[in-house]
Amino acid sequence: MLEIRPGSASDREWIYRLRHEVYAHELGQHPPNPAERLTDALDDDNVYLVAAHGDRPVGFISVTPPWAGHYSIDKYLSRDGHPVLGQDSLFEIRILTVDQSWRGSAAAPLLMHAALRWVAAHGGRTVVALGRTEILGMYLAAGLTGTGTRVGAGAVTFEVLSGQVSDLAERALRDHGPLLRGLEPRVRWSLEMPFLPGPPACQHGGASIGALGRRFDTLPARGDVVPADVLDAWYPPAPAVVELLGDDLGWLARTSPPAYPEGLVEEIAERRGLPPDAVAAGAGSSDLIFRAFRGWLGPSSRVLLPDPVYGEYAHVVEQVIGCRADRFPLRRADDWRPDPGRLRDALRERYDLVVIVNPNNPTGVHTDAADLRQVIADAPGGTRFWIDEAYVEYAGAGQSLETFAAASGNAVVCKSLSKMYALSGLRAAYLTGPAALAAELRRWTPPWGLGLPAQIAAVHALRDPGYYAELWARTRALRSGLAKRLAAIGDDLHVHESAANFVLLTLPRSGPSAAGLVAACRRDGVFLRDLSPLSAAFEGRTVRISVRDPDANDHIAATVSAALDHLRTAA
């Protein structure tokens, strides 16, 4: 049985010697050297994946991630002359090499598959490879596309190939699904990501709900799970909500709601100081995103998304609608803060829709409302702004743009009631913006789209602002305490305290991965969110941890500390 695993430090000597044997002696790409070893300047930054038979490695492939800052292909081509090389989340797949005695086996295809799965799990959107012309068919079979550009290195000719990661994953399932499923039981897969990609879907947290069983047969187990992988409130809904929902569950379950939630819309308008015709309600923000974006955008539209950002947006824009999404990169070096001036420059490209999440999820950074108003005012005509304020109340009073949006001609604010009002299981949200846009969304709303318990709960939650204001303040205090507990685990950890109800924990490059930490904590019932698939900007080493109650926060910190100790010892 072949094992596919990460390359270890002890594999490096074998890798360097096999590279010399193949690329110096066999192929003539490099001159032989007395040490019989072939290394290059990228080795410290490359990720090696290895195929092994028992204890014997038989092949390897290398991935160069964008955070390395340079690629092998830079030796042959100018990035300016090849736009694919200038992308922020570009990963290079290189030097696929198999021992001569294992050529023709499944080793090479499995290594290529492993490299693509690794890239997808680390937020890659585009891959580039230099494929040797004599084995070009294998690269093309994996879904990579030839660019027609060829380069020479010694006696070897390569073609530049590229591919979109989402397309490659879809093709793997469509064209090679039966083959891969047949191989899976015969391969020892020791990588942190699943062997097969799932069906196209947006990246979300929420794995903790799986602990209750796919059909919810183990609901009592919820007391054994700390769901810090989702941003649900740690507190219950307002007392009136709990009382009303608990009075007659049988009646609530069997009774149809109003066909359209006019009463909820009126309550929102009154509480927020909005004209009712500027409000449209939905079953959570995802419902509003899907309906609005599918109505406003088409395949020829252009959308600007922050990167990183809530995964729903890229999924709907690229996978559901199929239009172009450009990224506005947020940088760890800037503490993930968007620079308004740089954003204004980006908007000169004239986008049909610009998405802003404020505070941003998953980075947790809040941009002052005045700065956003100015960005919107300076944007070219015809640019529409979608502002997601799911967590804005954590940022303090006066930071919502909903009244501004209602009076504007080009801005829409989406407000979830699920997270801030502890109604995630009921799904309630609303949109506010120009009356004509809100009216469009109401026309696209199916009857009975918002259940009766959700409508009742949302109305009565909005009527108790004092209850929630106190809990939001307590959440901020709990967040600060959790951040301090996590920072005390080690000097090599970086803790970023968000403006919302979570913190980010970033691990050092030389230590365990985010996926490894998440898996280790999950075994003890503590669920964290690995942010790696959302964006390459996280470099595979950042986890998001939501704020829970005081005891749960203590348990989270202790579990993270123990898991890191175990992972470091095992390494």
Protein backbone atom coordinates (compact mmCIF):
# COMPACT_ATOMS: atom_id res chain seq x y z
CA MET A 1 0.00 0.00 0.00
CA LEU A 2 1.29 3.44 -0.89
CA GLU A 3 1.23 6.16 1.75
CA ILE A 4 0.87 9.81 0.81
CA ARG A 5 2.26 11.98 3.60
CA PRO A 6 3.98 15.28 4.28
CA GLY A 7 7.70 15.21 3.64
CA SER A 8 9.70 15.15 6.85
CA ALA A 9 13.10 16.60 7.64
CA SER A 10 14.56 13.11 7.35
CA ASP A 11 13.17 12.81 3.80
CA ARG A 12 15.16 15.78 2.55
CA GLU A 13 18.44 13.95 1.98
CA TRP A 14 16.68 11.28 -0.09
CA ILE A 15 14.79 13.95 -2.03
CA TYR A 16 17.96 15.88 -2.86
CA ARG A 17 19.73 12.71 -4.01
CA LEU A 18 16.80 11.54 -6.16
CA ARG A 19 16.61 15.00 -7.72
CA HIS A 20 20.27 14.77 -8.65
CA GLU A 21 19.88 11.29 -10.06
CA VAL A 22 16.88 12.25 -12.22
CA TYR A 23 17.54 15.87 -13.21
CA ALA A 24 21.34 15.73 -13.50
CA HIS A 25 22.15 12.20 -14.66
CA GLU A 26 18.93 11.02 -16.30
CA LEU A 27 17.47 14.18 -17.89
CA GLY A 28 20.48 16.48 -18.17
CA GLN A 29 18.69 19.53 -16.83
CA HIS A 30 21.56 20.28 -14.44
CA PRO A 31 25.25 19.35 -14.53
CA PRO A 32 26.19 16.53 -12.11
CA ASN A 33 28.00 17.60 -8.96
CA PRO A 34 30.42 15.70 -6.68
CA ALA A 35 28.01 15.77 -3.71
CA GLU A 36 25.36 13.91 -5.76
CA ARG A 37 22.72 16.22 -4.26
CA LEU A 38 20.51 18.77 -6.00
CA THR A 39 19.07 21.65 -3.95
CA ASP A 40 17.90 25.17 -4.75
CA ALA A 41 17.06 28.44 -3.03
CA LEU A 42 13.37 27.55 -2.71
CA ASP A 43 13.89 24.47 -0.54
CA ASP A 44 13.41 26.28 2.76
CA ASP A 45 9.99 27.54 1.63
CA ASN A 46 8.76 24.57 -0.40
CA VAL A 47 6.29 22.05 0.95
CA TYR A 48 7.19 18.48 0.00
CA LEU A 49 4.62 15.71 -0.24
CA VAL A 50 5.96 12.17 -0.39
CA ALA A 51 4.72 8.82 -1.66
CA ALA A 52 6.14 5.97 0.38
CA HIS A 53 5.91 2.19 0.29
CA GLY A 54 6.33 1.06 3.85
CA ASP A 55 9.35 2.93 5.22
CA ARG A 56 10.76 3.58 1.75
CA PRO A 57 9.96 6.85 -0.05
CA VAL A 58 9.38 6.29 -3.75
CA GLY A 59 8.37 9.72 -5.07
CA PHE A 60 7.72 13.33 -4.17
CA ILE A 61 6.17 16.55 -5.38
CA SER A 62 6.83 20.10 -4.24
CA VAL A 63 4.44 23.01 -3.70
CA THR A 64 5.68 26.58 -3.46
CA PRO A 65 3.06 28.73 -1.64
CA PRO A 66 2.60 32.46 -2.24
CA TRP A 67 3.96 33.38 1.18
CA ALA A 68 7.37 32.12 0.02
CA GLY A 69 7.56 35.36 -1.97
CA HIS A 70 9.16 33.81 -5.06
CA TYR A 71 8.69 30.88 -7.43
CA SER A 72 10.89 28.60 -9.49
CA ILE A 73 9.16 29.91 -12.59
CA ASP A 74 10.61 33.37 -11.86
CA LYS A 75 13.93 32.06 -13.22
CA TYR A 76 12.40 31.68 -16.66
CA LEU A 77 9.60 34.22 -17.05
CA SER A 78 8.74 37.79 -16.10
CA ARG A 79 5.60 38.12 -14.01
CA ASP A 80 4.74 41.34 -15.82
CA GLY A 81 4.55 39.52 -19.13
CA HIS A 82 2.37 36.70 -17.80
CA PRO A 83 -0.66 37.94 -15.79
CA VAL A 84 -1.31 34.53 -14.23
CA LEU A 85 1.98 34.90 -12.34
CA GLY A 86 0.91 38.15 -10.66
CA GLN A 87 -2.02 36.77 -8.66
CA ASP A 88 -1.98 37.01 -4.86
CA SER A 89 -2.99 33.41 -4.17
CA LEU A 90 -0.83 31.66 -6.77
CA PHE A 91 0.69 28.30 -5.83
CA GLU A 92 3.38 26.62 -7.91
CA ILE A 93 3.43 22.84 -8.25
CA ARG A 94 6.87 21.60 -9.21
CA ILE A 95 9.40 18.77 -9.55
CA LEU A 96 7.04 15.81 -9.55
CA THR A 97 9.58 12.99 -9.33
CA VAL A 98 9.20 9.22 -8.94
CA ASP A 99 11.88 6.59 -8.42
CA GLN A 100 12.50 4.71 -11.66
CA SER A 101 11.26 1.39 -10.25
CA TRP A 102 7.87 2.96 -9.40
CA ARG A 103 7.16 4.74 -12.67
CA GLY A 104 3.94 3.59 -14.27
CA SER A 105 2.41 2.96 -10.84
CA ALA A 106 -0.21 5.12 -9.12
CA ALA A 107 2.53 7.09 -7.33
CA ALA A 108 2.77 10.01 -9.79
CA PRO A 109 -1.01 10.58 -10.23
CA LEU A 110 -1.51 10.33 -6.48
CA LEU A 111 1.21 12.89 -5.83
CA MET A 112 -0.35 15.29 -8.35
CA HIS A 113 -3.75 14.76 -6.72
CA ALA A 114 -2.20 15.35 -3.28
CA ALA A 115 -0.60 18.61 -4.40
CA LEU A 116 -3.91 19.94 -5.73
CA ARG A 117 -5.72 18.93 -2.55
CA TRP A 118 -3.02 20.64 -0.44
CA VAL A 119 -3.33 23.85 -2.43
CA ALA A 120 -7.14 23.87 -2.11
CA ALA A 121 -6.88 23.33 1.64
CA HIS A 122 -4.62 26.36 1.94
CA GLY A 123 -6.84 28.85 0.15
CA GLY A 124 -5.26 28.58 -3.29
CA ARG A 125 -7.30 29.85 -6.22
CA THR A 126 -4.76 29.46 -9.03
CA VAL A 127 -1.95 26.98 -9.63
CA VAL A 128 0.91 27.17 -12.08
CA ALA A 129 3.31 24.39 -13.04
CA LEU A 130 6.23 23.76 -15.35
CA GLY A 131 5.35 20.41 -16.87
CA ARG A 132 7.99 18.36 -18.68
CA THR A 133 6.78 17.99 -22.24
CA GLU A 134 7.24 14.20 -22.26
CA ILE A 135 4.76 13.76 -19.39
CA LEU A 136 2.49 16.66 -20.31
CA GLY A 137 -0.49 14.33 -20.65
CA MET A 138 -0.56 13.64 -16.92
CA TYR A 139 -0.75 17.35 -16.10
CA LEU A 140 -3.48 17.89 -18.69
CA ALA A 141 -5.43 14.90 -17.33
CA ALA A 142 -5.39 16.57 -13.90
CA GLY A 143 -7.13 19.56 -15.48
CA LEU A 144 -4.23 21.96 -15.94
CA THR A 145 -4.25 23.96 -19.16
CA GLY A 146 -1.25 24.58 -21.39
CA THR A 147 -0.43 28.21 -22.04
CA GLY A 148 1.65 27.56 -25.15
CA THR A 149 4.69 29.08 -23.43
CA ARG A 150 7.68 26.76 -23.31
CA VAL A 151 10.99 27.22 -21.54
CA GLY A 152 14.20 25.22 -21.61
CA ALA A 153 16.47 24.16 -18.77
CA GLY A 154 19.50 22.21 -19.88
CA ALA A 155 18.29 19.33 -22.03
CA VAL A 156 14.73 19.55 -20.68
CA THR A 157 11.79 21.47 -22.16
CA PHE A 158 8.88 22.55 -19.98
CA GLU A 159 5.49 24.00 -20.81
CA VAL A 160 3.88 26.56 -18.52
CA LEU A 161 0.52 25.25 -17.30
CA SER A 162 -2.10 26.83 -15.08
CA GLY A 163 -5.51 26.12 -13.65
CA GLN A 164 -8.19 27.43 -11.31
CA VAL A 165 -8.37 25.36 -8.14
CA SER A 166 -12.17 25.27 -8.07
CA ASP A 167 -12.26 24.03 -11.67
CA LEU A 168 -9.64 21.40 -10.92
CA ALA A 169 -11.61 20.10 -7.93
CA GLU A 170 -14.81 19.92 -9.98
CA ARG A 171 -13.03 18.11 -12.79
CA ALA A 172 -11.44 15.64 -10.38
CA LEU A 173 -14.89 14.56 -9.19
CA ARG A 174 -16.48 14.63 -12.65
CA ASP A 175 -13.79 12.89 -14.71
CA HIS A 176 -11.85 10.85 -12.18
CA GLY A 177 -14.31 10.32 -9.32
CA PRO A 178 -14.73 6.53 -9.82
CA LEU A 179 -10.97 6.04 -10.20
CA LEU A 180 -10.17 8.10 -7.12
CA ARG A 181 -12.86 6.40 -5.05
CA GLY A 182 -11.42 3.06 -6.12
CA LEU A 183 -7.93 4.12 -5.12
CA GLU A 184 -8.91 5.60 -1.76
CA PRO A 185 -9.19 2.28 0.17
CA ARG A 186 -5.81 1.22 -1.24
CA VAL A 187 -3.95 4.37 -0.20
CA ARG A 188 -2.84 5.38 3.25
CA TRP A 189 -3.69 9.07 3.13
CA SER A 190 -1.73 10.86 5.86
CA LEU A 191 -2.42 14.44 4.86
CA GLU A 192 -4.59 16.77 6.94
CA MET A 193 -7.18 17.43 4.22
CA PRO A 194 -9.69 14.82 2.97
CA PHE A 195 -8.66 12.56 0.09
CA LEU A 196 -11.55 13.70 -2.09
CA PRO A 197 -12.94 17.21 -2.47
CA GLY A 198 -16.52 17.68 -1.42
CA PRO A 199 -19.19 18.99 -3.77
CA PRO A 200 -18.84 22.70 -4.64
CA ALA A 201 -19.92 24.69 -1.60
CA CYS A 202 -18.88 27.75 0.33
CA GLN A 203 -16.40 27.43 3.18
CA HIS A 204 -18.17 27.56 6.54
CA GLY A 205 -17.46 26.55 10.08
CA GLY A 206 -20.01 24.56 12.04
CA ALA A 207 -18.37 21.14 12.16
CA SER A 208 -19.36 21.05 15.82
CA ILE A 209 -22.99 20.42 14.93
CA GLY A 210 -21.86 17.14 13.40
CA ALA A 211 -21.09 15.85 16.89
CA LEU A 212 -24.87 15.61 17.39
CA GLY A 213 -25.26 13.11 14.54
CA ARG A 214 -26.29 13.68 10.94
CA ARG A 215 -29.91 13.01 11.96
CA PHE A 216 -29.54 14.59 15.43
CA ASP A 217 -29.69 11.24 17.19
CA THR A 218 -27.18 12.28 19.85
CA LEU A 219 -28.53 15.67 20.94
CA PRO A 220 -27.58 15.10 24.62
CA ALA A 221 -23.93 15.18 23.47
CA ARG A 222 -24.18 18.95 22.99
CA GLY A 223 -23.11 19.39 26.60
CA ASP A 224 -19.81 17.66 25.80
CA VAL A 225 -18.93 19.93 22.89
CA VAL A 226 -17.47 23.44 22.90
CA PRO A 227 -18.61 24.95 19.56
CA ALA A 228 -15.95 27.63 19.17
CA ASP A 229 -15.88 27.05 15.40
CA VAL A 230 -19.08 29.05 14.80
CA LEU A 231 -19.96 32.61 15.80
CA ASP A 232 -23.27 31.82 17.47
CA ALA A 233 -23.97 33.80 20.62
CA TRP A 234 -22.85 32.23 23.88
CA TYR A 235 -25.91 33.72 25.64
CA PRO A 236 -29.63 32.87 25.26
CA PRO A 237 -32.16 35.10 23.49
CA ALA A 238 -34.01 37.78 25.46
CA PRO A 239 -36.21 36.39 28.27
CA ALA A 240 -39.43 37.33 26.46
CA VAL A 241 -38.28 35.38 23.41
CA VAL A 242 -37.55 32.27 25.44
CA GLU A 243 -40.88 32.55 27.25
CA LEU A 244 -42.94 33.02 24.11
CA LEU A 245 -41.25 30.16 22.26
CA GLY A 246 -41.60 27.86 25.22
CA ASP A 247 -45.28 28.56 25.95
CA ASP A 248 -46.74 26.34 23.25
CA LEU A 249 -44.20 24.63 21.04
CA GLY A 250 -46.87 22.42 19.55
CA TRP A 251 -48.85 25.42 18.31
CA LEU A 252 -45.72 27.10 16.93
CA ALA A 253 -44.70 23.96 15.08
CA ARG A 254 -48.07 23.37 13.41
CA THR A 255 -49.10 26.95 12.63
CA SER A 256 -48.30 28.66 9.34
CA PRO A 257 -46.58 32.03 9.63
CA PRO A 258 -47.77 35.15 7.81
CA ALA A 259 -47.06 34.61 4.13
CA TYR A 260 -44.85 37.70 4.14
CA PRO A 261 -43.23 39.10 7.30
CA GLU A 262 -44.80 42.57 7.22
CA GLY A 263 -45.01 42.75 11.00
CA LEU A 264 -41.32 42.02 11.39
CA VAL A 265 -40.48 44.61 8.74
CA GLU A 266 -42.56 47.21 10.60
CA GLU A 267 -40.79 46.37 13.88
CA ILE A 268 -37.35 46.66 12.25
CA ALA A 269 -38.27 49.98 10.65
CA GLU A 270 -39.58 51.41 13.92
CA ARG A 271 -36.62 50.24 16.02
CA ARG A 272 -33.99 51.33 13.49
CA GLY A 273 -35.56 54.60 12.37
CA LEU A 274 -36.02 53.39 8.80
CA PRO A 275 -38.83 53.83 6.28
CA PRO A 276 -40.61 50.46 5.97
CA ASP A 277 -40.28 50.48 2.19
CA ALA A 278 -36.48 50.47 2.59
CA VAL A 279 -36.50 47.11 4.45
CA ALA A 280 -36.71 43.51 3.23
CA ALA A 281 -36.56 40.54 5.62
CA GLY A 282 -35.08 37.10 5.03
CA ALA A 283 -34.30 33.76 6.63
CA GLY A 284 -30.77 34.73 7.61
CA SER A 285 -28.19 36.72 5.69
CA SER A 286 -27.43 33.80 3.35
CA ASP A 287 -31.01 33.89 2.10
CA LEU A 288 -30.66 37.59 1.33
CA ILE A 289 -27.25 37.16 -0.32
CA PHE A 290 -28.45 34.39 -2.64
CA ARG A 291 -31.63 36.22 -3.63
CA ALA A 292 -30.10 39.66 -4.12
CA PHE A 293 -26.92 38.61 -5.91
CA ARG A 294 -28.74 36.28 -8.30
CA GLY A 295 -31.11 39.10 -9.18
CA TRP A 296 -28.52 41.85 -9.54
CA LEU A 297 -25.58 40.02 -11.12
CA GLY A 298 -25.02 37.99 -14.27
CA PRO A 299 -22.08 36.15 -15.87
CA SER A 300 -20.72 39.41 -17.31
CA SER A 301 -20.75 41.27 -13.97
CA ARG A 302 -17.63 42.32 -12.06
CA VAL A 303 -17.49 42.11 -8.27
CA LEU A 304 -14.83 43.25 -5.82
CA LEU A 305 -14.39 41.10 -2.70
CA PRO A 306 -12.04 41.64 0.23
CA ASP A 307 -9.58 38.81 0.76
CA PRO A 308 -10.00 37.22 3.28
CA VAL A 309 -13.78 37.52 3.64
CA TYR A 310 -16.83 35.47 4.60
CA GLY A 311 -16.84 32.48 2.25
CA GLU A 312 -20.46 32.83 1.15
CA TYR A 313 -19.63 35.75 -1.11
CA ALA A 314 -17.01 34.07 -3.30
CA HIS A 315 -19.17 30.97 -3.54
CA VAL A 316 -22.26 32.82 -4.75
CA VAL A 317 -20.38 35.13 -7.11
CA GLU A 318 -18.06 32.55 -8.69
CA GLN A 319 -19.78 29.19 -8.30
CA VAL A 320 -23.50 30.06 -8.36
CA ILE A 321 -23.58 33.06 -10.70
CA GLY A 322 -20.30 32.44 -12.50
CA CYS A 323 -19.16 36.04 -12.81
CA ARG A 324 -15.77 37.61 -12.29
CA ALA A 325 -14.61 38.34 -8.75
CA ASP A 326 -11.51 40.42 -8.17
CA ARG A 327 -9.89 40.47 -4.76
CA PHE A 328 -8.92 43.43 -2.62
CA PRO A 329 -6.14 41.91 -0.52
CA LEU A 330 -6.03 42.50 3.21
CA ARG A 331 -2.58 41.99 4.68
CA ARG A 332 -1.45 40.41 7.92
CA ALA A 333 1.39 42.94 8.06
CA ASP A 334 -1.24 45.71 8.25
CA ASP A 335 -3.16 43.85 10.99
CA TRP A 336 -5.72 43.07 8.26
CA ARG A 337 -6.85 46.73 8.11
CA PRO A 338 -8.23 47.90 4.76
CA ASP A 339 -6.62 51.12 3.62
CA PRO A 340 -9.42 53.46 2.43
CA GLY A 341 -7.08 55.17 -0.03
CA ARG A 342 -6.03 51.88 -1.58
CA LEU A 343 -9.68 50.84 -1.77
CA ARG A 344 -10.61 54.06 -3.56
CA ASP A 345 -7.84 53.36 -6.08
CA ALA A 346 -9.15 49.83 -6.64
CA LEU A 347 -12.65 51.17 -7.31
CA ARG A 348 -11.44 53.03 -10.40
CA GLU A 349 -11.92 49.69 -12.19
CA ARG A 350 -15.70 50.30 -12.03
CA TYR A 351 -17.27 47.28 -10.41
CA ASP A 352 -20.93 46.36 -10.56
CA LEU A 353 -20.87 45.35 -6.89
CA VAL A 354 -18.41 45.89 -4.05
CA VAL A 355 -18.74 43.75 -0.93
CA ILE A 356 -17.66 45.12 2.44
CA VAL A 357 -18.06 43.13 5.67
CA ASN A 358 -17.76 45.38 8.69
CA PRO A 359 -16.44 44.20 11.09
CA ASN A 360 -14.85 41.84 8.63
CA ASN A 361 -15.28 38.13 9.10
CA PRO A 362 -12.91 36.31 9.44
CA THR A 363 -10.28 38.99 10.22
CA GLY A 364 -12.42 40.81 12.79
CA VAL A 365 -11.27 44.30 11.78
CA HIS A 366 -13.75 47.17 11.94
CA THR A 367 -13.60 50.21 9.65
CA ASP A 368 -15.07 53.43 10.97
CA ALA A 369 -18.45 54.29 9.46
CA ALA A 370 -17.29 57.77 8.42
CA ASP A 371 -14.43 56.29 6.38
CA LEU A 372 -16.82 53.93 4.60
CA ARG A 373 -19.27 56.72 3.81
CA GLN A 374 -16.45 58.65 2.18
CA VAL A 375 -15.31 55.63 0.13
CA ILE A 376 -18.87 55.17 -1.13
CA ALA A 377 -19.22 58.86 -1.93
CA ASP A 378 -15.97 58.81 -3.94
CA ALA A 379 -16.82 55.68 -5.95
CA PRO A 380 -17.55 55.91 -9.69
CA GLY A 381 -21.20 56.17 -10.67
CA GLY A 382 -22.97 52.87 -11.14
CA THR A 383 -21.02 51.07 -8.41
CA ARG A 384 -23.29 49.33 -5.91
CA PHE A 385 -22.08 48.55 -2.38
CA TRP A 386 -23.18 45.59 -0.27
CA ILE A 387 -22.26 46.18 3.38
CA ASP A 388 -22.56 43.18 5.68
CA GLU A 389 -22.99 44.30 9.30
CA ALA A 390 -23.61 40.96 10.98
CA TYR A 391 -21.40 41.94 13.95
CA VAL A 392 -21.46 45.75 13.86
CA GLU A 393 -23.08 46.17 17.28
CA TYR A 394 -19.89 44.79 18.88
CA ALA A 395 -18.07 47.82 17.40
CA GLY A 396 -20.16 50.28 19.41
CA ALA A 397 -23.00 52.72 18.85
CA GLY A 398 -23.27 54.84 15.73
CA GLN A 399 -21.31 52.49 13.48
CA SER A 400 -24.14 51.08 11.39
CA LEU A 401 -24.70 52.50 7.90
CA GLU A 402 -28.30 51.31 7.60
CA THR A 403 -29.90 54.77 7.70
CA PHE A 404 -27.23 56.03 5.30
CA ALA A 405 -27.99 53.12 2.94
CA ALA A 406 -31.74 53.74 3.04
CA ALA A 407 -31.17 57.32 1.86
CA SER A 408 -28.47 56.45 -0.67
CA GLY A 409 -28.79 55.50 -4.29
CA ASN A 410 -26.13 52.79 -4.32
CA ALA A 411 -25.64 51.18 -0.91
CA VAL A 412 -27.33 48.23 0.77
CA VAL A 413 -26.77 47.06 4.34
CA CYS A 414 -27.40 43.44 5.33
CA LYS A 415 -28.05 42.89 9.04
CA SER A 416 -28.23 39.41 10.50
CA LEU A 417 -30.32 38.97 13.64
CA SER A 418 -29.00 35.44 14.04
CA LYS A 419 -25.68 36.06 15.75
CA MET A 420 -26.11 39.27 17.72
CA TYR A 421 -29.59 38.34 18.97
CA ALA A 422 -28.90 34.65 19.67
CA LEU A 423 -31.32 33.45 16.97
CA SER A 424 -28.96 31.43 14.75
CA GLY A 425 -31.15 28.33 14.91
CA LEU A 426 -34.20 30.32 13.80
CA ARG A 427 -32.64 32.30 10.90
CA ALA A 428 -33.68 35.94 10.68
CA ALA A 429 -32.09 38.89 8.93
CA TYR A 430 -32.98 42.00 7.00
CA LEU A 431 -31.68 44.25 4.25
CA THR A 432 -32.03 48.00 4.10
CA GLY A 433 -31.24 50.22 1.15
CA PRO A 434 -32.89 52.35 -1.52
CA ALA A 435 -36.61 51.64 -1.63
CA ALA A 436 -36.46 50.39 -5.23
CA LEU A 437 -33.81 47.78 -4.37
CA ALA A 438 -35.68 46.65 -1.25
CA ALA A 439 -38.86 46.33 -3.32
CA GLU A 440 -37.03 44.13 -5.84
CA LEU A 441 -35.93 41.80 -3.08
CA ARG A 442 -39.43 41.61 -1.62
CA ARG A 443 -40.73 40.60 -5.06
CA TRP A 444 -38.21 37.77 -5.15
CA THR A 445 -39.23 36.49 -1.70
CA PRO A 446 -41.26 33.28 -1.67
CA PRO A 447 -44.27 33.14 0.67
CA TRP A 448 -43.72 31.63 4.11
CA GLY A 449 -39.98 31.99 3.73
CA LEU A 450 -39.54 33.01 7.36
CA GLY A 451 -40.98 30.62 9.92
CA LEU A 452 -43.38 31.65 12.64
CA PRO A 453 -40.93 31.03 15.54
CA ALA A 454 -38.34 33.15 13.74
CA GLN A 455 -40.73 36.06 13.19
CA ILE A 456 -42.00 36.02 16.77
CA ALA A 457 -38.48 35.72 18.18
CA ALA A 458 -37.05 38.52 16.03
CA VAL A 459 -39.84 40.97 16.89
CA HIS A 460 -39.49 40.43 20.62
CA ALA A 461 -35.69 40.38 20.56
CA LEU A 462 -35.69 43.82 18.96
CA ARG A 463 -37.91 45.05 21.79
CA ASP A 464 -35.27 44.37 24.46
CA PRO A 465 -32.21 46.42 23.45
CA GLY A 466 -31.02 46.80 27.04
CA TYR A 467 -30.71 43.04 27.54
CA TYR A 468 -28.55 42.65 24.45
CA ALA A 469 -26.43 45.76 25.04
CA GLU A 470 -25.37 44.36 28.41
CA LEU A 471 -24.46 41.00 26.86
CA TRP A 472 -22.52 42.59 24.01
CA ALA A 473 -20.46 44.47 26.60
CA ARG A 474 -19.87 41.22 28.51
CA THR A 475 -18.84 39.55 25.26
CA ARG A 476 -16.17 42.18 24.71
CA ALA A 477 -14.82 41.55 28.21
CA LEU A 478 -14.85 37.78 27.68
CA ARG A 479 -13.09 38.23 24.34
CA SER A 480 -10.30 40.20 26.01
CA GLY A 481 -9.90 37.55 28.68
CA LEU A 482 -9.78 34.73 26.13
CA ALA A 483 -7.16 36.60 24.10
CA LYS A 484 -4.96 37.00 27.18
CA ARG A 485 -5.29 33.33 28.12
CA LEU A 486 -4.29 32.25 24.62
CA ALA A 487 -1.38 34.69 24.39
CA ALA A 488 0.00 33.33 27.66
CA ILE A 489 0.39 29.86 26.11
CA GLY A 490 3.59 30.84 24.31
CA ASP A 491 5.62 33.77 23.05
CA ASP A 492 5.68 32.31 19.54
CA LEU A 493 1.88 32.57 19.18
CA HIS A 494 0.19 35.65 17.79
CA VAL A 495 -3.28 36.49 19.09
CA HIS A 496 -5.37 39.03 17.23
CA GLU A 497 -8.37 40.28 19.19
CA SER A 498 -11.18 41.10 16.80
CA ALA A 499 -13.85 43.78 17.02
CA ALA A 500 -16.47 41.00 16.98
CA ASN A 501 -17.00 37.90 19.11
CA PHE A 502 -13.85 35.95 18.23
CA VAL A 503 -10.07 36.01 18.31
CA LEU A 504 -7.53 34.77 15.78
CA LEU A 505 -4.67 32.56 16.88
CA THR A 506 -1.74 32.36 14.46
CA LEU A 507 0.88 29.66 14.87
CA PRO A 508 4.56 30.04 13.95
CA ARG A 509 5.61 28.78 10.54
CA SER A 510 7.95 26.26 12.07
CA GLY A 511 5.31 24.68 14.29
CA PRO A 512 2.07 22.70 13.94
CA SER A 513 -0.40 23.69 11.24
CA ALA A 514 -3.82 25.19 11.87
CA ALA A 515 -5.41 21.98 10.59
CA GLY A 516 -3.32 19.93 12.99
CA LEU A 517 -4.31 22.06 15.97
CA VAL A 518 -7.99 21.96 15.02
CA ALA A 519 -7.92 18.17 14.70
CA ALA A 520 -6.12 17.73 18.03
CA CYS A 521 -8.57 19.97 19.90
CA ARG A 522 -11.55 18.30 18.26
CA ARG A 523 -10.56 14.96 19.78
CA ASP A 524 -11.18 16.60 23.17
CA GLY A 525 -14.53 18.05 22.14
CA VAL A 526 -13.28 21.60 21.47
CA PHE A 527 -14.10 22.76 17.95
CA LEU A 528 -12.09 25.59 16.39
CA ARG A 529 -12.18 27.00 12.85
CA ASP A 530 -9.23 26.43 10.53
CA LEU A 531 -9.23 29.49 8.26
CA SER A 532 -6.77 28.01 5.74
CA PRO A 533 -9.30 27.11 3.00
CA LEU A 534 -10.72 30.64 3.01
CA SER A 535 -7.57 32.42 1.90
CA ALA A 536 -3.91 31.86 1.21
CA ALA A 537 -3.31 34.98 3.32
CA PHE A 538 -3.66 32.80 6.42
CA GLU A 539 -0.71 30.64 5.31
CA GLY A 540 -2.27 27.51 6.78
CA ARG A 541 -1.52 28.59 10.33
CA THR A 542 -4.43 30.68 11.65
CA VAL A 543 -7.47 29.48 13.57
CA ARG A 544 -10.54 31.46 14.55
CA ILE A 545 -11.87 30.90 18.07
CA SER A 546 -15.28 32.25 19.02
CA VAL A 547 -16.03 33.66 22.44
CA ARG A 548 -18.00 31.37 24.72
CA ASP A 549 -18.98 31.59 28.39
CA PRO A 550 -16.24 31.95 31.04
CA ASP A 551 -15.91 28.22 31.85
CA ALA A 552 -15.87 27.26 28.18
CA ASN A 553 -13.21 29.90 27.44
CA ASP A 554 -11.01 28.47 30.18
CA HIS A 555 -11.52 25.00 28.71
CA ILE A 556 -10.65 26.24 25.22
CA ALA A 557 -7.38 27.81 26.37
CA ALA A 558 -6.37 24.73 28.35
CA THR A 559 -7.19 22.42 25.45
CA VAL A 560 -5.24 24.54 22.95
CA SER A 561 -2.24 24.59 25.28
CA ALA A 562 -2.29 20.81 25.79
CA ALA A 563 -2.81 20.15 22.07
CA LEU A 564 0.16 22.32 21.10
CA ASP A 565 2.36 20.61 23.68
CA HIS A 566 1.36 17.23 22.27
CA LEU A 567 1.87 18.25 18.64
CA ARG A 568 5.28 19.74 19.29
CA THR A 569 6.40 16.67 21.22
CA ALA A 570 5.14 14.33 18.49
CA ALA A 571 7.01 16.29 15.83
